[in-house]
All heavy atoms as atom14 arrays in JSON, in Angstrom:
{
  "sequence": "YNVLAAAGAMLAEKIPPNVIKSALENFKSVHG",
  "atom14_mask": [
    [1, 1, 1, 1, 1, 1, 1, 1, 1, 1, 1, 1, 0, 0],
    [1, 1, 1, 1, 1, 1, 1, 1, 0, 0, 0, 0, 0, 0],
    [1, 1, 1, 1, 1, 1, 1, 0, 0, 0, 0, 0, 0, 0],
    [1, 1, 1, 1, 1, 1, 1, 1, 0, 0, 0, 0, 0, 0],
    [1, 1, 1, 1, 1, 0, 0, 0, 0, 0, 0, 0, 0, 0],
    [1, 1, 1, 1, 1, 0, 0, 0, 0, 0, 0, 0, 0, 0],
    [1, 1, 1, 1, 1, 0, 0, 0, 0, 0, 0, 0, 0, 0],
    [1, 1, 1, 1, 0, 0, 0, 0, 0, 0, 0, 0, 0, 0],
    [1, 1, 1, 1, 1, 0, 0, 0, 0, 0, 0, 0, 0, 0],
    [1, 1, 1, 1, 1, 1, 1, 1, 0, 0, 0, 0, 0, 0],
    [1, 1, 1, 1, 1, 1, 1, 1, 0, 0, 0, 0, 0, 0],
    [1, 1, 1, 1, 1, 0, 0, 0, 0, 0, 0, 0, 0, 0],
    [1, 1, 1, 1, 1, 1, 1, 1, 1, 0, 0, 0, 0, 0],
    [1, 1, 1, 1, 1, 1, 1, 1, 1, 0, 0, 0, 0, 0],
    [1, 1, 1, 1, 1, 1, 1, 1, 0, 0, 0, 0, 0, 0],
    [1, 1, 1, 1, 1, 1, 1, 0, 0, 0, 0, 0, 0, 0],
    [1, 1, 1, 1, 1, 1, 1, 0, 0, 0, 0, 0, 0, 0],
    [1, 1, 1, 1, 1, 1, 1, 1, 0, 0, 0, 0, 0, 0],
    [1, 1, 1, 1, 1, 1, 1, 0, 0, 0, 0, 0, 0, 0],
    [1, 1, 1, 1, 1, 1, 1, 1, 0, 0, 0, 0, 0, 0],
    [1, 1, 1, 1, 1, 1, 1, 1, 1, 0, 0, 0, 0, 0],
    [1, 1, 1, 1, 1, 1, 0, 0, 0, 0, 0, 0, 0, 0],
    [1, 1, 1, 1, 1, 0, 0, 0, 0, 0, 0, 0, 0, 0],
    [1, 1, 1, 1, 1, 1, 1, 1, 0, 0, 0, 0, 0, 0],
    [1, 1, 1, 1, 1, 1, 1, 1, 1, 0, 0, 0, 0, 0],
    [1, 1, 1, 1, 1, 1, 1, 1, 0, 0, 0, 0, 0, 0],
    [1, 1, 1, 1, 1, 1, 1, 1, 1, 1, 1, 0, 0, 0],
    [1, 1, 1, 1, 1, 1, 1, 1, 1, 0, 0, 0, 0, 0],
    [1, 1, 1, 1, 1, 1, 0, 0, 0, 0, 0, 0, 0, 0],
    [1, 1, 1, 1, 1, 1, 1, 0, 0, 0, 0, 0, 0, 0],
    [1, 1, 1, 1, 1, 1, 1, 1, 1, 1, 0, 0, 0, 0],
    [1, 1, 1, 1, 0, 0, 0, 0, 0, 0, 0, 0, 0, 0]
  ],
  "atom14_positions": [
    [[71.97, 62.16, 20.93], [71.28, 63.38, 20.49], [69.76, 63.24, 20.65], [69.08, 64.19, 21.08], [71.64, 63.71, 19.05], [73.0, 64.34, 18.9], [74.11, 63.59, 18.49], [73.2, 65.69, 19.17], [75.37, 64.17, 18.36], [74.45, 66.28, 19.05], [75.53, 65.51, 18.65], [76.77, 66.09, 18.53], [0.0, 0.0, 0.0], [0.0, 0.0, 0.0]],
    [[69.21, 62.07, 20.32], [67.77, 61.86, 20.47], [67.36, 61.99, 21.92], [66.32, 62.6, 22.25], [67.38, 60.48, 19.93], [67.59, 60.34, 18.45], [67.61, 61.33, 17.72], [67.77, 59.11, 17.98], [0.0, 0.0, 0.0], [0.0, 0.0, 0.0], [0.0, 0.0, 0.0], [0.0, 0.0, 0.0], [0.0, 0.0, 0.0], [0.0, 0.0, 0.0]],
    [[68.17, 61.44, 22.83], [67.88, 61.53, 24.26], [67.94, 62.98, 24.74], [67.07, 63.43, 25.51], [68.86, 60.64, 25.05], [68.81, 60.97, 26.54], [68.55, 59.17, 24.83], [0.0, 0.0, 0.0], [0.0, 0.0, 0.0], [0.0, 0.0, 0.0], [0.0, 0.0, 0.0], [0.0, 0.0, 0.0], [0.0, 0.0, 0.0], [0.0, 0.0, 0.0]],
    [[68.95, 63.72, 24.29], [69.06, 65.13, 24.67], [67.85, 65.92, 24.21], [67.31, 66.76, 24.96], [70.33, 65.73, 24.07], [71.67, 65.29, 24.68], [72.83, 65.76, 23.81], [71.82, 65.81, 26.1], [0.0, 0.0, 0.0], [0.0, 0.0, 0.0], [0.0, 0.0, 0.0], [0.0, 0.0, 0.0], [0.0, 0.0, 0.0], [0.0, 0.0, 0.0]],
    [[67.4, 65.66, 22.98], [66.22, 66.36, 22.45], [64.98, 66.05, 23.27], [64.22, 66.95, 23.66], [66.0, 65.97, 20.99], [0.0, 0.0, 0.0], [0.0, 0.0, 0.0], [0.0, 0.0, 0.0], [0.0, 0.0, 0.0], [0.0, 0.0, 0.0], [0.0, 0.0, 0.0], [0.0, 0.0, 0.0], [0.0, 0.0, 0.0], [0.0, 0.0, 0.0]],
    [[64.78, 64.77, 23.57], [63.61, 64.35, 24.34], [63.67, 64.93, 25.76], [62.67, 65.45, 26.27], [63.53, 62.83, 24.39], [0.0, 0.0, 0.0], [0.0, 0.0, 0.0], [0.0, 0.0, 0.0], [0.0, 0.0, 0.0], [0.0, 0.0, 0.0], [0.0, 0.0, 0.0], [0.0, 0.0, 0.0], [0.0, 0.0, 0.0], [0.0, 0.0, 0.0]],
    [[64.83, 64.85, 26.39], [64.97, 65.38, 27.75], [64.74, 66.88, 27.78], [64.08, 67.4, 28.69], [66.36, 65.04, 28.3], [0.0, 0.0, 0.0], [0.0, 0.0, 0.0], [0.0, 0.0, 0.0], [0.0, 0.0, 0.0], [0.0, 0.0, 0.0], [0.0, 0.0, 0.0], [0.0, 0.0, 0.0], [0.0, 0.0, 0.0], [0.0, 0.0, 0.0]],
    [[65.28, 67.59, 26.79], [65.08, 69.04, 26.73], [63.62, 69.41, 26.63], [63.13, 70.32, 27.32], [0.0, 0.0, 0.0], [0.0, 0.0, 0.0], [0.0, 0.0, 0.0], [0.0, 0.0, 0.0], [0.0, 0.0, 0.0], [0.0, 0.0, 0.0], [0.0, 0.0, 0.0], [0.0, 0.0, 0.0], [0.0, 0.0, 0.0], [0.0, 0.0, 0.0]],
    [[62.89, 68.69, 25.77], [61.45, 68.97, 25.61], [60.69, 68.68, 26.89], [59.79, 69.43, 27.28], [60.89, 68.14, 24.45], [0.0, 0.0, 0.0], [0.0, 0.0, 0.0], [0.0, 0.0, 0.0], [0.0, 0.0, 0.0], [0.0, 0.0, 0.0], [0.0, 0.0, 0.0], [0.0, 0.0, 0.0], [0.0, 0.0, 0.0], [0.0, 0.0, 0.0]],
    [[61.06, 67.61, 27.54], [60.34, 67.23, 28.76], [60.65, 68.17, 29.93], [59.77, 68.48, 30.74], [60.66, 65.79, 29.13], [60.15, 64.77, 28.11], [58.32, 64.72, 27.98], [57.98, 66.04, 26.79], [0.0, 0.0, 0.0], [0.0, 0.0, 0.0], [0.0, 0.0, 0.0], [0.0, 0.0, 0.0], [0.0, 0.0, 0.0], [0.0, 0.0, 0.0]],
    [[61.87, 68.62, 30.03], [62.18, 69.63, 31.05], [61.43, 70.92, 30.77], [60.92, 71.57, 31.69], [63.69, 69.89, 31.08], [64.54, 68.74, 31.66], [66.02, 68.98, 31.4], [64.29, 68.57, 33.16], [0.0, 0.0, 0.0], [0.0, 0.0, 0.0], [0.0, 0.0, 0.0], [0.0, 0.0, 0.0], [0.0, 0.0, 0.0], [0.0, 0.0, 0.0]],
    [[61.34, 71.29, 29.49], [60.58, 72.49, 29.11], [59.1, 72.34, 29.46], [58.43, 73.32, 29.82], [60.73, 72.75, 27.62], [0.0, 0.0, 0.0], [0.0, 0.0, 0.0], [0.0, 0.0, 0.0], [0.0, 0.0, 0.0], [0.0, 0.0, 0.0], [0.0, 0.0, 0.0], [0.0, 0.0, 0.0], [0.0, 0.0, 0.0], [0.0, 0.0, 0.0]],
    [[58.6, 71.1, 29.38], [57.19, 70.83, 29.7], [56.98, 70.52, 31.18], [55.91, 70.06, 31.57], [56.69, 69.67, 28.84], [56.56, 70.0, 27.35], [55.42, 70.96, 27.05], [54.54, 71.14, 27.94], [55.43, 71.54, 25.95], [0.0, 0.0, 0.0], [0.0, 0.0, 0.0], [0.0, 0.0, 0.0], [0.0, 0.0, 0.0], [0.0, 0.0, 0.0]],
    [[58.04, 70.76, 31.99], [57.96, 70.66, 33.46], [57.73, 69.23, 33.95], [57.13, 69.02, 35.02], [56.85, 71.58, 34.01], [56.87, 72.99, 33.46], [58.19, 73.69, 33.66], [58.15, 75.13, 33.12], [59.47, 75.78, 33.14], [0.0, 0.0, 0.0], [0.0, 0.0, 0.0], [0.0, 0.0, 0.0], [0.0, 0.0, 0.0], [0.0, 0.0, 0.0]],
    [[58.22, 68.24, 33.21], [58.17, 66.86, 33.69], [59.31, 66.66, 34.69], [60.45, 67.05, 34.42], [58.3, 65.87, 32.51], [57.24, 66.15, 31.46], [58.21, 64.43, 33.03], [55.81, 66.05, 31.94], [0.0, 0.0, 0.0], [0.0, 0.0, 0.0], [0.0, 0.0, 0.0], [0.0, 0.0, 0.0], [0.0, 0.0, 0.0], [0.0, 0.0, 0.0]],
    [[59.06, 66.05, 35.83], [60.11, 65.88, 36.85], [61.31, 65.1, 36.31], [61.14, 64.1, 35.61], [59.4, 65.09, 37.96], [57.95, 65.42, 37.79], [57.74, 65.57, 36.32], [0.0, 0.0, 0.0], [0.0, 0.0, 0.0], [0.0, 0.0, 0.0], [0.0, 0.0, 0.0], [0.0, 0.0, 0.0], [0.0, 0.0, 0.0], [0.0, 0.0, 0.0]],
    [[62.53, 65.54, 36.63], [63.74, 64.87, 36.13], [63.81, 63.39, 36.47], [64.3, 62.59, 35.67], [64.87, 65.64, 36.82], [64.29, 67.01, 37.06], [62.85, 66.77, 37.37], [0.0, 0.0, 0.0], [0.0, 0.0, 0.0], [0.0, 0.0, 0.0], [0.0, 0.0, 0.0], [0.0, 0.0, 0.0], [0.0, 0.0, 0.0], [0.0, 0.0, 0.0]],
    [[63.33, 62.99, 37.65], [63.38, 61.56, 38.01], [62.49, 60.72, 37.11], [62.8, 59.56, 36.8], [62.99, 61.37, 39.48], [61.55, 61.77, 39.77], [61.13, 62.87, 39.43], [60.8, 60.89, 40.42], [0.0, 0.0, 0.0], [0.0, 0.0, 0.0], [0.0, 0.0, 0.0], [0.0, 0.0, 0.0], [0.0, 0.0, 0.0], [0.0, 0.0, 0.0]],
    [[61.39, 61.29, 36.64], [60.51, 60.58, 35.7], [61.19, 60.46, 34.34], [61.13, 59.41, 33.69], [59.15, 61.31, 35.56], [58.28, 60.65, 34.49], [58.42, 61.35, 36.89], [0.0, 0.0, 0.0], [0.0, 0.0, 0.0], [0.0, 0.0, 0.0], [0.0, 0.0, 0.0], [0.0, 0.0, 0.0], [0.0, 0.0, 0.0], [0.0, 0.0, 0.0]],
    [[61.83, 61.53, 33.91], [62.57, 61.52, 32.64], [63.65, 60.45, 32.67], [63.77, 59.64, 31.73], [63.19, 62.9, 32.37], [62.1, 63.97, 32.2], [64.07, 62.86, 31.12], [62.62, 65.4, 32.14], [0.0, 0.0, 0.0], [0.0, 0.0, 0.0], [0.0, 0.0, 0.0], [0.0, 0.0, 0.0], [0.0, 0.0, 0.0], [0.0, 0.0, 0.0]],
    [[64.42, 60.42, 33.74], [65.52, 59.45, 33.88], [64.99, 58.02, 33.84], [65.49, 57.17, 33.09], [66.27, 59.71, 35.19], [67.35, 58.68, 35.52], [68.03, 59.02, 36.85], [68.91, 57.87, 37.34], [70.08, 57.64, 36.46], [0.0, 0.0, 0.0], [0.0, 0.0, 0.0], [0.0, 0.0, 0.0], [0.0, 0.0, 0.0], [0.0, 0.0, 0.0]],
    [[63.97, 57.75, 34.63], [63.43, 56.39, 34.72], [62.88, 55.92, 33.36], [63.14, 54.79, 32.94], [62.33, 56.34, 35.78], [61.71, 55.07, 35.81], [0.0, 0.0, 0.0], [0.0, 0.0, 0.0], [0.0, 0.0, 0.0], [0.0, 0.0, 0.0], [0.0, 0.0, 0.0], [0.0, 0.0, 0.0], [0.0, 0.0, 0.0], [0.0, 0.0, 0.0]],
    [[62.12, 56.79, 32.69], [61.52, 56.41, 31.41], [62.57, 56.17, 30.34], [62.49, 55.22, 29.56], [60.54, 57.48, 30.96], [0.0, 0.0, 0.0], [0.0, 0.0, 0.0], [0.0, 0.0, 0.0], [0.0, 0.0, 0.0], [0.0, 0.0, 0.0], [0.0, 0.0, 0.0], [0.0, 0.0, 0.0], [0.0, 0.0, 0.0], [0.0, 0.0, 0.0]],
    [[63.59, 57.02, 30.29], [64.65, 56.86, 29.29], [65.47, 55.59, 29.56], [65.87, 54.89, 28.61], [65.56, 58.08, 29.27], [64.96, 59.35, 28.66], [65.88, 60.54, 28.87], [64.68, 59.15, 27.17], [0.0, 0.0, 0.0], [0.0, 0.0, 0.0], [0.0, 0.0, 0.0], [0.0, 0.0, 0.0], [0.0, 0.0, 0.0], [0.0, 0.0, 0.0]],
    [[65.71, 55.29, 30.81], [66.5, 54.1, 31.14], [65.71, 52.81, 30.9], [66.3, 51.74, 30.75], [67.0, 54.17, 32.58], [68.05, 55.26, 32.76], [68.72, 55.25, 34.12], [68.05, 54.84, 35.09], [69.89, 55.66, 34.2], [0.0, 0.0, 0.0], [0.0, 0.0, 0.0], [0.0, 0.0, 0.0], [0.0, 0.0, 0.0], [0.0, 0.0, 0.0]],
    [[64.39, 52.91, 30.85], [63.55, 51.74, 30.54], [63.23, 51.63, 29.05], [62.68, 50.61, 28.61], [62.24, 51.8, 31.34], [62.44, 51.47, 32.8], [63.18, 50.55, 33.13], [61.8, 52.22, 33.69], [0.0, 0.0, 0.0], [0.0, 0.0, 0.0], [0.0, 0.0, 0.0], [0.0, 0.0, 0.0], [0.0, 0.0, 0.0], [0.0, 0.0, 0.0]],
    [[63.57, 52.65, 28.28], [63.25, 52.68, 26.86], [64.14, 51.7, 26.09], [65.36, 51.7, 26.27], [63.44, 54.1, 26.32], [63.04, 54.28, 24.88], [61.72, 54.54, 24.55], [63.97, 54.2, 23.86], [61.34, 54.7, 23.23], [63.6, 54.37, 22.54], [62.28, 54.63, 22.22], [0.0, 0.0, 0.0], [0.0, 0.0, 0.0], [0.0, 0.0, 0.0]],
    [[63.55, 50.85, 25.26], [64.32, 49.83, 24.55], [64.71, 50.28, 23.14], [65.86, 50.56, 22.86], [63.53, 48.53, 24.48], [63.24, 47.92, 25.87], [64.52, 47.52, 26.59], [64.22, 46.68, 27.82], [63.52, 47.4, 28.9], [0.0, 0.0, 0.0], [0.0, 0.0, 0.0], [0.0, 0.0, 0.0], [0.0, 0.0, 0.0], [0.0, 0.0, 0.0]],
    [[63.75, 50.37, 22.24], [64.07, 50.75, 20.86], [62.77, 50.99, 20.11], [61.68, 50.79, 20.65], [64.88, 49.65, 20.15], [64.1, 48.48, 20.01], [0.0, 0.0, 0.0], [0.0, 0.0, 0.0], [0.0, 0.0, 0.0], [0.0, 0.0, 0.0], [0.0, 0.0, 0.0], [0.0, 0.0, 0.0], [0.0, 0.0, 0.0], [0.0, 0.0, 0.0]],
    [[62.9, 51.41, 18.87], [61.76, 51.6, 17.98], [61.96, 50.65, 16.8], [63.08, 50.46, 16.33], [61.69, 53.06, 17.48], [60.53, 53.25, 16.51], [61.56, 54.01, 18.66], [0.0, 0.0, 0.0], [0.0, 0.0, 0.0], [0.0, 0.0, 0.0], [0.0, 0.0, 0.0], [0.0, 0.0, 0.0], [0.0, 0.0, 0.0], [0.0, 0.0, 0.0]],
    [[60.87, 50.07, 16.31], [60.98, 49.15, 15.18], [61.73, 49.8, 14.02], [61.42, 50.91, 13.6], [59.58, 48.73, 14.69], [58.9, 47.76, 15.61], [59.55, 46.69, 16.17], [57.63, 47.7, 16.06], [58.7, 46.01, 16.93], [57.53, 46.61, 16.88], [0.0, 0.0, 0.0], [0.0, 0.0, 0.0], [0.0, 0.0, 0.0], [0.0, 0.0, 0.0]],
    [[62.73, 49.08, 13.54], [63.45, 49.54, 12.35], [64.47, 50.62, 12.61], [65.02, 51.18, 11.68], [0.0, 0.0, 0.0], [0.0, 0.0, 0.0], [0.0, 0.0, 0.0], [0.0, 0.0, 0.0], [0.0, 0.0, 0.0], [0.0, 0.0, 0.0], [0.0, 0.0, 0.0], [0.0, 0.0, 0.0], [0.0, 0.0, 0.0], [0.0, 0.0, 0.0]]
  ]
}
């Protein structure tokens, strides 16, 4: 759900899908 929310916002902000995919696949975690 967090990924869907982030992707939706980024598509709305006209960020290229390949950038969204690459960044999400490189994302590790948040402290805690």
